[in-house]
Amino acid sequence: MAKESMKAREVKRAKLVEKYAAKRAQLKADGDYIGLSRLPRNSNPIRLHNRCRITGRPKGYMRQFGVSRITFREMASAGLIPGVKKASW
């Protein structure tokens, strides 16, 4: 389980990215790299990191489901994810 401060930091970064997206695109189109460098660092989408929505785990993230591999396995075993079942052969 990730610390609450780490989850909050990711949410804050996502809000900054959304806030400055239009301005960043305009500056990039104009080629104004000095203006781009004056924007906050965390407004750059590269600084975002995928995290599990439930536990906040940064590694083993499954993009299709938005959760980590561990959470996915628990949810799939409990039948909480439609269309997913354990393979057996």
C-alpha atoms as a PDB file:
ATOM      1  CA  MET A   1       0.000   0.000   0.000  1.00  0.00           C
ATOM      2  CA  ALA A   2       1.471   3.340  -1.067  1.00  0.00           C
ATOM      3  CA  LYS A   3       1.663   6.259   1.309  1.00  0.00           C
ATOM      4  CA  GLU A   4      -1.227   8.706   1.056  1.00  0.00           C
ATOM      5  CA  SER A   5       1.245  11.507   0.348  1.00  0.00           C
ATOM      6  CA  MET A   6       2.465   9.696  -2.780  1.00  0.00           C
ATOM      7  CA  LYS A   7      -1.075   9.224  -4.050  1.00  0.00           C
ATOM      8  CA  ALA A   8      -1.849  12.887  -3.333  1.00  0.00           C
ATOM      9  CA  ARG A   9       1.287  13.975  -5.172  1.00  0.00           C
ATOM     10  CA  GLU A  10       0.219  12.063  -8.288  1.00  0.00           C
ATOM     11  CA  VAL A  11      -3.252  13.640  -8.154  1.00  0.00           C
ATOM     12  CA  LYS A  12      -1.683  17.093  -7.826  1.00  0.00           C
ATOM     13  CA  ARG A  13       0.564  16.433 -10.831  1.00  0.00           C
ATOM     14  CA  ALA A  14      -2.408  15.263 -12.917  1.00  0.00           C
ATOM     15  CA  LYS A  15      -4.290  18.486 -12.114  1.00  0.00           C
ATOM     16  CA  LEU A  16      -1.283  20.608 -13.113  1.00  0.00           C
ATOM     17  CA  VAL A  17      -0.888  18.705 -16.385  1.00  0.00           C
ATOM     18  CA  GLU A  18      -4.545  19.311 -17.199  1.00  0.00           C
ATOM     19  CA  LYS A  19      -4.351  22.983 -16.222  1.00  0.00           C
ATOM     20  CA  TYR A  20      -1.333  23.791 -18.397  1.00  0.00           C
ATOM     21  CA  ALA A  21      -2.036  21.442 -21.336  1.00  0.00           C
ATOM     22  CA  ALA A  22      -3.404  24.119 -23.679  1.00  0.00           C
ATOM     23  CA  LYS A  23      -0.708  26.641 -22.800  1.00  0.00           C
ATOM     24  CA  ARG A  24       2.010  23.998 -23.194  1.00  0.00           C
ATOM     25  CA  ALA A  25       0.668  23.003 -26.631  1.00  0.00           C
ATOM     26  CA  GLN A  26       0.560  26.646 -27.755  1.00  0.00           C
ATOM     27  CA  LEU A  27       4.133  27.331 -26.612  1.00  0.00           C
ATOM     28  CA  LYS A  28       5.330  24.120 -28.247  1.00  0.00           C
ATOM     29  CA  ALA A  29       3.649  25.015 -31.545  1.00  0.00           C
ATOM     30  CA  ASP A  30       5.327  28.448 -31.489  1.00  0.00           C
ATOM     31  CA  GLY A  31       8.700  26.912 -30.633  1.00  0.00           C
ATOM     32  CA  ASP A  32       8.969  29.061 -27.496  1.00  0.00           C
ATOM     33  CA  TYR A  33      11.227  26.836 -25.402  1.00  0.00           C
ATOM     34  CA  ILE A  34      12.042  29.605 -22.956  1.00  0.00           C
ATOM     35  CA  GLY A  35       8.326  29.988 -22.220  1.00  0.00           C
ATOM     36  CA  LEU A  36       8.044  26.223 -21.819  1.00  0.00           C
ATOM     37  CA  SER A  37      10.888  26.201 -19.318  1.00  0.00           C
ATOM     38  CA  ARG A  38       9.065  28.801 -17.213  1.00  0.00           C
ATOM     39  CA  LEU A  39       6.075  26.515 -16.700  1.00  0.00           C
ATOM     40  CA  PRO A  40       6.004  24.410 -13.522  1.00  0.00           C
ATOM     41  CA  ARG A  41       7.979  21.175 -13.784  1.00  0.00           C
ATOM     42  CA  ASN A  42       5.069  19.043 -12.664  1.00  0.00           C
ATOM     43  CA  SER A  43       2.912  20.377 -15.504  1.00  0.00           C
ATOM     44  CA  ASN A  44       4.849  18.148 -17.903  1.00  0.00           C
ATOM     45  CA  PRO A  45       2.878  14.939 -18.673  1.00  0.00           C
ATOM     46  CA  ILE A  46       6.133  12.923 -18.683  1.00  0.00           C
ATOM     47  CA  ARG A  47       6.288  13.318 -14.898  1.00  0.00           C
ATOM     48  CA  LEU A  48       3.024  11.401 -14.389  1.00  0.00           C
ATOM     49  CA  HIS A  49       3.321   7.804 -13.246  1.00  0.00           C
ATOM     50  CA  ASN A  50       0.646   5.125 -13.511  1.00  0.00           C
ATOM     51  CA  ARG A  51      -0.508   3.864 -10.123  1.00  0.00           C
ATOM     52  CA  CYS A  52      -3.025   1.256  -9.005  1.00  0.00           C
ATOM     53  CA  ARG A  53      -6.336   2.988  -8.283  1.00  0.00           C
ATOM     54  CA  ILE A  54      -6.947   0.869  -5.202  1.00  0.00           C
ATOM     55  CA  THR A  55      -3.561   0.394  -3.528  1.00  0.00           C
ATOM     56  CA  GLY A  56      -1.451   3.097  -5.182  1.00  0.00           C
ATOM     57  CA  ARG A  57       1.221   0.572  -6.160  1.00  0.00           C
ATOM     58  CA  PRO A  58       3.445   2.052  -8.925  1.00  0.00           C
ATOM     59  CA  LYS A  59       4.897  -1.221 -10.265  1.00  0.00           C
ATOM     60  CA  GLY A  60       3.096  -4.068 -12.014  1.00  0.00           C
ATOM     61  CA  TYR A  61       0.404  -1.709 -13.325  1.00  0.00           C
ATOM     62  CA  MET A  62      -2.059  -3.192 -15.836  1.00  0.00           C
ATOM     63  CA  ARG A  63      -3.132  -0.335 -18.077  1.00  0.00           C
ATOM     64  CA  GLN A  64      -6.243  -2.070 -19.443  1.00  0.00           C
ATOM     65  CA  PHE A  65      -7.750  -2.422 -15.961  1.00  0.00           C
ATOM     66  CA  GLY A  66      -6.107   0.457 -14.067  1.00  0.00           C
ATOM     67  CA  VAL A  67      -4.934  -1.724 -11.191  1.00  0.00           C
ATOM     68  CA  SER A  68      -1.736  -3.541 -10.192  1.00  0.00           C
ATOM     69  CA  ARG A  69      -1.165  -7.200 -11.010  1.00  0.00           C
ATOM     70  CA  ILE A  70      -1.723  -8.205  -7.384  1.00  0.00           C
ATOM     71  CA  THR A  71      -5.034  -6.364  -7.087  1.00  0.00           C
ATOM     72  CA  PHE A  72      -6.074  -7.703 -10.497  1.00  0.00           C
ATOM     73  CA  ARG A  73      -5.448 -11.287  -9.389  1.00  0.00           C
ATOM     74  CA  GLU A  74      -7.444 -10.827  -6.187  1.00  0.00           C
ATOM     75  CA  MET A  75     -10.342  -9.180  -8.031  1.00  0.00           C
ATOM     76  CA  ALA A  76     -10.352 -11.792 -10.813  1.00  0.00           C
ATOM     77  CA  SER A  77     -10.369 -14.650  -8.292  1.00  0.00           C
ATOM     78  CA  ALA A  78     -13.287 -13.038  -6.466  1.00  0.00           C
ATOM     79  CA  GLY A  79     -15.172 -12.663  -9.762  1.00  0.00           C
ATOM     80  CA  LEU A  80     -15.217  -8.852  -9.616  1.00  0.00           C
ATOM     81  CA  ILE A  81     -13.898  -8.361 -13.157  1.00  0.00           C
ATOM     82  CA  PRO A  82     -16.437  -9.379 -15.823  1.00  0.00           C
ATOM     83  CA  GLY A  83     -15.197 -11.702 -18.543  1.00  0.00           C
ATOM     84  CA  VAL A  84     -12.046 -12.741 -16.694  1.00  0.00           C
ATOM     85  CA  LYS A  85     -11.515 -16.210 -15.298  1.00  0.00           C
ATOM     86  CA  LYS A  86      -8.533 -18.260 -14.240  1.00  0.00           C
ATOM     87  CA  ALA A  87      -6.975 -20.287 -17.023  1.00  0.00           C
ATOM     88  CA  SER A  88      -6.927 -24.047 -16.637  1.00  0.00           C
ATOM     89  CA  TRP A  89      -5.690 -26.714 -19.076  1.00  0.00           C
END
